[in-house]
C-alpha atoms as a PDB file:
ATOM      1  CA  MET A   1     -11.557  10.470  19.773  1.00  0.00           C
ATOM      2  CA  SER A   2     -13.768   7.831  18.175  1.00  0.00           C
ATOM      3  CA  GLN A   3     -11.677   4.695  17.749  1.00  0.00           C
ATOM      4  CA  SER A   4     -13.959   3.347  15.019  1.00  0.00           C
ATOM      5  CA  ALA A   5     -13.695   6.606  13.072  1.00  0.00           C
ATOM      6  CA  HIS A   6      -9.909   6.509  13.455  1.00  0.00           C
ATOM      7  CA  VAL A   7      -9.762   2.932  12.131  1.00  0.00           C
ATOM      8  CA  VAL A   8     -11.916   3.815   9.107  1.00  0.00           C
ATOM      9  CA  ALA A   9      -9.775   6.879   8.425  1.00  0.00           C
ATOM     10  CA  GLN A  10      -6.586   4.793   8.529  1.00  0.00           C
ATOM     11  CA  ARG A  11      -8.131   2.248   6.152  1.00  0.00           C
ATOM     12  CA  LEU A  12      -9.189   4.929   3.676  1.00  0.00           C
ATOM     13  CA  LEU A  13      -5.752   6.524   3.791  1.00  0.00           C
ATOM     14  CA  ASN A  14      -4.133   3.132   3.136  1.00  0.00           C
ATOM     15  CA  LEU A  15      -6.324   2.679   0.058  1.00  0.00           C
ATOM     16  CA  TYR A  16      -5.492   6.204  -1.107  1.00  0.00           C
ATOM     17  CA  ARG A  17      -1.739   5.655  -0.828  1.00  0.00           C
ATOM     18  CA  GLN A  18      -1.821   2.165  -2.367  1.00  0.00           C
ATOM     19  CA  GLU A  19      -4.160   2.745  -5.316  1.00  0.00           C
ATOM     20  CA  HIS A  20      -1.324   1.797  -7.678  1.00  0.00           C
ATOM     21  CA  VAL A  21      -1.577  -1.883  -6.660  1.00  0.00           C
ATOM     22  CA  ILE A  22      -5.379  -2.122  -6.365  1.00  0.00           C
ATOM     23  CA  ARG A  23      -7.211  -3.725  -9.268  1.00  0.00           C
ATOM     24  CA  GLY A  24      -9.590  -1.196 -10.781  1.00  0.00           C
ATOM     25  CA  GLY A  25      -7.516   1.784  -9.638  1.00  0.00           C
ATOM     26  CA  TRP A  26      -9.368   4.959  -8.799  1.00  0.00           C
ATOM     27  CA  SER A  27     -12.695   3.652 -10.071  1.00  0.00           C
ATOM     28  CA  ALA A  28     -12.491   0.973  -7.365  1.00  0.00           C
ATOM     29  CA  VAL A  29     -11.162   2.941  -4.403  1.00  0.00           C
ATOM     30  CA  ASN A  30     -13.268   6.040  -5.058  1.00  0.00           C
ATOM     31  CA  GLN A  31     -16.425   3.993  -4.481  1.00  0.00           C
ATOM     32  CA  VAL A  32     -15.055   2.988  -1.076  1.00  0.00           C
ATOM     33  CA  PHE A  33     -14.211   6.580  -0.175  1.00  0.00           C
ATOM     34  CA  ILE A  34     -17.771   7.692  -0.858  1.00  0.00           C
ATOM     35  CA  ALA A  35     -19.291   4.738   0.985  1.00  0.00           C
ATOM     36  CA  GLU A  36     -17.150   4.913   4.118  1.00  0.00           C
ATOM     37  CA  SER A  37     -16.305   8.587   4.568  1.00  0.00           C
ATOM     38  CA  ASN A  38     -19.809   9.955   5.157  1.00  0.00           C
ATOM     39  CA  ASP A  39     -19.287  10.225   8.905  1.00  0.00           C
ATOM     40  CA  GLU A  40     -17.767  13.636   9.589  1.00  0.00           C
ATOM     41  CA  GLN A  41     -15.807  12.096  12.451  1.00  0.00           C
ATOM     42  CA  VAL A  42     -13.880  10.118   9.839  1.00  0.00           C
ATOM     43  CA  ILE A  43     -13.089  13.327   7.953  1.00  0.00           C
ATOM     44  CA  HIS A  44     -11.918  14.888  11.213  1.00  0.00           C
ATOM     45  CA  GLU A  45      -9.596  11.944  11.845  1.00  0.00           C
ATOM     46  CA  LEU A  46      -8.171  12.231   8.321  1.00  0.00           C
ATOM     47  CA  GLU A  47      -7.161  15.830   9.028  1.00  0.00           C
ATOM     48  CA  ASN A  48      -4.650  14.569  11.597  1.00  0.00           C
ATOM     49  CA  LEU A  49      -3.093  11.862   9.401  1.00  0.00           C
ATOM     50  CA  PRO A  50      -0.175  12.301   6.963  1.00  0.00           C
ATOM     51  CA  THR A  51      -1.535  13.279   3.489  1.00  0.00           C
ATOM     52  CA  GLY A  52      -5.011  13.123   5.028  1.00  0.00           C
ATOM     53  CA  LYS A  53      -5.896  16.650   3.960  1.00  0.00           C
ATOM     54  CA  LYS A  54      -5.284  15.710   0.320  1.00  0.00           C
ATOM     55  CA  LEU A  55      -7.635  12.774   0.654  1.00  0.00           C
ATOM     56  CA  ILE A  56     -10.290  15.003   2.243  1.00  0.00           C
ATOM     57  CA  LYS A  57     -10.129  17.360  -0.758  1.00  0.00           C
ATOM     58  CA  HIS A  58     -10.412  14.376  -3.101  1.00  0.00           C
ATOM     59  CA  ILE A  59     -13.426  12.993  -1.225  1.00  0.00           C
ATOM     60  CA  ASN A  60     -15.113  16.409  -1.323  1.00  0.00           C
ATOM     61  CA  ASN A  61     -14.476  16.590  -5.081  1.00  0.00           C
ATOM     62  CA  LEU A  62     -16.104  13.177  -5.492  1.00  0.00           C
ATOM     63  CA  ARG A  63     -19.067  14.193  -3.362  1.00  0.00           C
ATOM     64  CA  ASN A  64     -19.824  17.370  -5.316  1.00  0.00           C
ATOM     65  CA  GLY A  65     -19.146  15.804  -8.712  1.00  0.00           C
ATOM     66  CA  THR A  66     -16.097  17.948  -9.536  1.00  0.00           C
ATOM     67  CA  THR A  67     -14.038  14.793 -10.035  1.00  0.00           C
ATOM     68  CA  PRO A  68     -15.425  11.758 -11.938  1.00  0.00           C
ATOM     69  CA  MET A  69     -15.593   8.515  -9.995  1.00  0.00           C
ATOM     70  CA  ASP A  70     -12.842   6.927 -12.083  1.00  0.00           C
ATOM     71  CA  SER A  71     -10.210   9.639 -11.652  1.00  0.00           C
ATOM     72  CA  ILE A  72      -8.402  12.081  -9.343  1.00  0.00           C
ATOM     73  CA  ASP A  73      -7.024  15.595  -9.795  1.00  0.00           C
ATOM     74  CA  ASN A  74      -3.306  15.660 -10.570  1.00  0.00           C
ATOM     75  CA  ASP A  75      -2.471  17.905  -7.605  1.00  0.00           C
ATOM     76  CA  LEU A  76      -4.129  15.445  -5.197  1.00  0.00           C
ATOM     77  CA  LEU A  77      -2.245  12.346  -6.324  1.00  0.00           C
ATOM     78  CA  PRO A  78      -0.501  10.506  -3.456  1.00  0.00           C
ATOM     79  CA  TYR A  79       3.313  10.495  -3.520  1.00  0.00           C
ATOM     80  CA  GLY A  80       3.169  13.426  -5.947  1.00  0.00           C
ATOM     81  CA  GLY A  81       1.867  11.067  -8.635  1.00  0.00           C
ATOM     82  CA  MET A  82       5.126   9.125  -8.790  1.00  0.00           C
ATOM     83  CA  MET A  83       3.383   5.797  -8.202  1.00  0.00           C
ATOM     84  CA  THR A  84       0.285   6.380 -10.315  1.00  0.00           C
ATOM     85  CA  GLY A  85      -0.301   5.868 -14.005  1.00  0.00           C
ATOM     86  CA  HIS A  86       2.440   3.319 -14.552  1.00  0.00           C
ATOM     87  CA  GLU A  87       2.041   2.810 -18.298  1.00  0.00           C
ATOM     88  CA  THR A  88       4.474   0.617 -20.188  1.00  0.00           C
ATOM     89  CA  ASN A  89       4.340  -1.799 -23.090  1.00  0.00           C
ATOM     90  CA  ILE A  90       4.948  -4.842 -20.924  1.00  0.00           C
ATOM     91  CA  SER A  91       4.240  -8.413 -21.982  1.00  0.00           C
ATOM     92  CA  LEU A  92       5.237 -11.927 -20.998  1.00  0.00           C
ATOM     93  CA  SER A  93       5.674 -14.836 -23.366  1.00  0.00           C
ATOM     94  CA  GLU A  94       3.358 -17.828 -23.187  1.00  0.00           C
ATOM     95  CA  ASN A  95       6.110 -19.884 -21.540  1.00  0.00           C
ATOM     96  CA  GLU A  96       6.758 -17.112 -18.996  1.00  0.00           C
ATOM     97  CA  ILE A  97       3.062 -16.988 -18.125  1.00  0.00           C
ATOM     98  CA  ILE A  98       3.059 -20.751 -17.570  1.00  0.00           C
ATOM     99  CA  GLU A  99       6.195 -20.477 -15.418  1.00  0.00           C
ATOM    100  CA  LEU A 100       4.698 -17.646 -13.378  1.00  0.00           C
ATOM    101  CA  LYS A 101       1.412 -19.481 -12.838  1.00  0.00           C
ATOM    102  CA  ARG A 102       3.315 -22.533 -11.629  1.00  0.00           C
ATOM    103  CA  ALA A 103       5.338 -20.472  -9.173  1.00  0.00           C
ATOM    104  CA  LEU A 104       2.367 -18.512  -7.844  1.00  0.00           C
ATOM    105  CA  SER A 105       0.179 -21.600  -7.393  1.00  0.00           C
ATOM    106  CA  SER A 106       2.292 -22.639  -4.405  1.00  0.00           C
ATOM    107  CA  PHE A 107       3.313 -19.179  -3.163  1.00  0.00           C
ATOM    108  CA  GLN A 108       3.202 -18.559   0.577  1.00  0.00           C
ATOM    109  CA  PRO A 109       3.984 -15.208   2.278  1.00  0.00           C
ATOM    110  CA  THR A 110       7.444 -16.184   3.547  1.00  0.00           C
ATOM    111  CA  SER A 111      10.879 -14.713   2.848  1.00  0.00           C
ATOM    112  CA  GLU A 112      11.946 -17.972   1.176  1.00  0.00           C
ATOM    113  CA  ASN A 113       8.988 -17.954  -1.214  1.00  0.00           C
ATOM    114  CA  LEU A 114       9.395 -14.247  -1.917  1.00  0.00           C
ATOM    115  CA  ASN A 115      13.099 -14.609  -2.684  1.00  0.00           C
ATOM    116  CA  ALA A 116      12.364 -17.552  -4.989  1.00  0.00           C
ATOM    117  CA  ILE A 117       9.933 -15.384  -6.970  1.00  0.00           C
ATOM    118  CA  LYS A 118      12.387 -12.471  -7.146  1.00  0.00           C
ATOM    119  CA  GLN A 119      15.161 -14.768  -8.409  1.00  0.00           C
ATOM    120  CA  MET A 120      13.102 -15.942 -11.387  1.00  0.00           C
ATOM    121  CA  GLN A 121      14.644 -14.711 -14.640  1.00  0.00           C
ATOM    122  CA  LEU A 122      11.296 -13.425 -15.894  1.00  0.00           C
ATOM    123  CA  VAL A 123      11.105 -11.267 -12.764  1.00  0.00           C
ATOM    124  CA  LYS A 124      14.747 -10.160 -12.646  1.00  0.00           C
ATOM    125  CA  LYS A 125      14.650  -8.844 -16.214  1.00  0.00           C
ATOM    126  CA  PHE A 126      12.343  -6.021 -15.078  1.00  0.00           C
ATOM    127  CA  GLY A 127      14.892  -4.703 -12.566  1.00  0.00           C
ATOM    128  CA  ASN A 128      13.616  -2.474  -9.763  1.00  0.00           C
ATOM    129  CA  ASP A 129      10.206  -2.102 -11.438  1.00  0.00           C
ATOM    130  CA  TRP A 130       9.498  -5.850 -11.329  1.00  0.00           C
ATOM    131  CA  ALA A 131       6.380  -5.627  -9.161  1.00  0.00           C
ATOM    132  CA  ALA A 132       4.554  -2.948 -11.170  1.00  0.00           C
ATOM    133  CA  ASP A 133       5.726  -4.175 -14.575  1.00  0.00           C
ATOM    134  CA  ILE A 134       4.551  -7.739 -14.072  1.00  0.00           C
ATOM    135  CA  LYS A 135       1.322  -6.413 -12.557  1.00  0.00           C
ATOM    136  CA  SER A 136       0.812  -4.499 -15.806  1.00  0.00           C
ATOM    137  CA  ALA A 137       1.703  -7.503 -17.960  1.00  0.00           C
ATOM    138  CA  ILE A 138      -0.876  -9.796 -16.336  1.00  0.00           C
ATOM    139  CA  ALA A 139      -3.591  -7.196 -15.732  1.00  0.00           C
ATOM    140  CA  THR A 140      -6.103  -8.989 -17.980  1.00  0.00           C
ATOM    141  CA  ASP A 141      -5.824 -12.249 -16.005  1.00  0.00           C
ATOM    142  CA  SER A 142      -7.800 -11.534 -12.834  1.00  0.00           C
ATOM    143  CA  GLU A 143      -6.887 -14.773 -11.042  1.00  0.00           C
ATOM    144  CA  LEU A 144      -3.179 -14.472 -11.758  1.00  0.00           C
ATOM    145  CA  SER A 145      -3.259 -10.768 -10.910  1.00  0.00           C
ATOM    146  CA  ALA A 146      -4.831 -11.529  -7.530  1.00  0.00           C
ATOM    147  CA  GLN A 147      -2.071 -14.063  -6.821  1.00  0.00           C
ATOM    148  CA  TRP A 148       0.554 -11.507  -7.833  1.00  0.00           C
ATOM    149  CA  ASP A 149      -0.978  -8.989  -5.408  1.00  0.00           C
ATOM    150  CA  ASN A 150      -0.032 -11.417  -2.610  1.00  0.00           C
ATOM    151  CA  VAL A 151       3.590 -11.252  -3.761  1.00  0.00           C
ATOM    152  CA  ILE A 152       3.501  -7.446  -3.758  1.00  0.00           C
ATOM    153  CA  LYS A 153       1.951  -7.370  -0.286  1.00  0.00           C
ATOM    154  CA  THR A 154       4.554  -9.806   1.029  1.00  0.00           C
ATOM    155  CA  ASP A 155       7.395  -7.764  -0.448  1.00  0.00           C
ATOM    156  CA  THR A 156       5.966  -4.575   1.062  1.00  0.00           C
ATOM    157  CA  ALA A 157       5.571  -6.260   4.460  1.00  0.00           C
ATOM    158  CA  TYR A 158       9.206  -7.379   4.578  1.00  0.00           C
ATOM    159  CA  LYS A 159      10.436  -3.950   3.489  1.00  0.00           C
ATOM    160  CA  LEU A 160       8.425  -2.332   6.274  1.00  0.00           C
ATOM    161  CA  TRP A 161       9.710  -4.901   8.784  1.00  0.00           C
ATOM    162  CA  ASP A 162      13.306  -4.076   7.818  1.00  0.00           C
ATOM    163  CA  SER A 163      12.571  -0.350   7.949  1.00  0.00           C
ATOM    164  CA  ALA A 164      11.024  -0.653  11.416  1.00  0.00           C
ATOM    165  CA  GLN A 165      13.983  -2.638  12.726  1.00  0.00           C
ATOM    166  CA  GLN A 166      16.410  -0.063  11.359  1.00  0.00           C
ATOM    167  CA  LEU A 167      14.545   2.873  12.891  1.00  0.00           C
ATOM    168  CA  LEU A 168      14.214   1.182  16.275  1.00  0.00           C
ATOM    169  CA  SER A 169      17.953   0.492  16.350  1.00  0.00           C
ATOM    170  CA  GLU A 170      18.785   4.167  15.902  1.00  0.00           C
ATOM    171  CA  THR A 171      18.826   7.073  18.345  1.00  0.00           C
ATOM    172  CA  LEU A 172      15.452   8.573  19.213  1.00  0.00           C
ATOM    173  CA  THR A 173      15.105  11.745  17.146  1.00  0.00           C
ATOM    174  CA  GLU A 174      12.286  13.979  16.010  1.00  0.00           C
ATOM    175  CA  ARG A 175      13.153  13.107  12.414  1.00  0.00           C
ATOM    176  CA  ASN A 176      12.712   9.374  13.039  1.00  0.00           C
ATOM    177  CA  ARG A 177       9.544  10.055  14.978  1.00  0.00           C
ATOM    178  CA  ALA A 178       8.110  12.007  12.041  1.00  0.00           C
ATOM    179  CA  LYS A 179       9.067   9.237   9.622  1.00  0.00           C
ATOM    180  CA  ILE A 180       7.358   6.586  11.721  1.00  0.00           C
ATOM    181  CA  GLN A 181       4.238   8.718  12.064  1.00  0.00           C
ATOM    182  CA  ALA A 182       4.103   9.273   8.303  1.00  0.00           C
ATOM    183  CA  ASP A 183       4.428   5.543   7.616  1.00  0.00           C
ATOM    184  CA  MET A 184       2.281   4.339  10.516  1.00  0.00           C
ATOM    185  CA  PRO A 185      -0.739   3.492   8.295  1.00  0.00           C
ATOM    186  CA  GLU A 186       1.492   1.091   6.333  1.00  0.00           C
ATOM    187  CA  TYR A 187       2.990  -0.371   9.503  1.00  0.00           C
ATOM    188  CA  GLU A 188      -0.484  -0.929  10.924  1.00  0.00           C
ATOM    189  CA  THR A 189      -1.567  -2.622   7.702  1.00  0.00           C
ATOM    190  CA  TYR A 190       1.395  -4.898   7.058  1.00  0.00           C
ATOM    191  CA  LEU A 191       3.182  -5.705  10.347  1.00  0.00           C
ATOM    192  CA  PRO A 192       0.218  -7.786  11.626  1.00  0.00           C
ATOM    193  CA  MET A 193       1.060 -10.197   8.769  1.00  0.00           C
ATOM    194  CA  PHE A 194       3.944 -11.341  10.998  1.00  0.00           C
ATOM    195  CA  GLY A 195       1.593 -12.473  13.750  1.00  0.00           C
ATOM    196  CA  GLU A 196       2.625 -11.946  17.372  1.00  0.00           C
ATOM    197  CA  ASN A 197       6.097 -10.715  16.381  1.00  0.00           C
ATOM    198  CA  GLY A 198       4.558  -8.171  14.053  1.00  0.00           C
ATOM    199  CA  GLN A 199       2.236  -6.888  16.779  1.00  0.00           C
ATOM    200  CA  LYS A 200       5.179  -6.552  19.163  1.00  0.00           C
ATOM    201  CA  MET A 201       7.079  -4.584  16.549  1.00  0.00           C
ATOM    202  CA  LEU A 202       4.058  -2.338  15.995  1.00  0.00           C
ATOM    203  CA  ASN A 203       3.765  -1.707  19.744  1.00  0.00           C
ATOM    204  CA  ARG A 204       7.464  -0.805  19.893  1.00  0.00           C
ATOM    205  CA  LEU A 205       6.961   1.722  17.094  1.00  0.00           C
ATOM    206  CA  ARG A 206       4.019   3.277  18.929  1.00  0.00           C
ATOM    207  CA  THR A 207       6.062   3.465  22.127  1.00  0.00           C
ATOM    208  CA  PHE A 208       8.962   4.983  20.184  1.00  0.00           C
ATOM    209  CA  VAL A 209       6.687   7.733  18.879  1.00  0.00           C
ATOM    210  CA  SER A 210       4.947   8.436  22.184  1.00  0.00           C
ATOM    211  CA  SER A 211       8.247   8.644  24.070  1.00  0.00           C
ATOM    212  CA  LEU A 212       9.049  11.865  22.202  1.00  0.00           C
ATOM    213  CA  SER A 213       5.584  13.350  22.474  1.00  0.00           C
END
């Protein structure tokens, strides 16, 4: 197995599954797919990754021109399309924008900073859809949107940390093994944000999976 091809395949799959939080959407990530998936070893690695076969079909459609560079076929959408095309009439008042800019200007990827953001009234009013709704509301402000992406990434990282801890505290089962394998691209992307502790957690997950192989 080519390690470099495996790393590229994991990166492409991460982009595929997270298109909903990437500025530019499919028009942005599709360019990356075409640029980085030319090596057939990468395609081979994708075949062995969760949802990888869908991405391979999408890449082939882009290569032969079946699918425009700014779109994707409905049947190839990640997560069954549940996280794509989030369209709502969302807006923030001028005062809310000022408040959000002030909060994000000093944001650091810590649980304390994340909780402070989530406790803001302008965030809480969006309920469970707070991340995507505010992303939509500030989409035209590239600088603010980039700062908000850091909040989304931090929130995702902590959710994955909690998920990993929960799984590792449970009995070793094939079901848990399959879940970890399916989510491994996300774990490999986000757990390193926790430094040495994150790498240790990632190694424990890999050991967990291999122990049932």
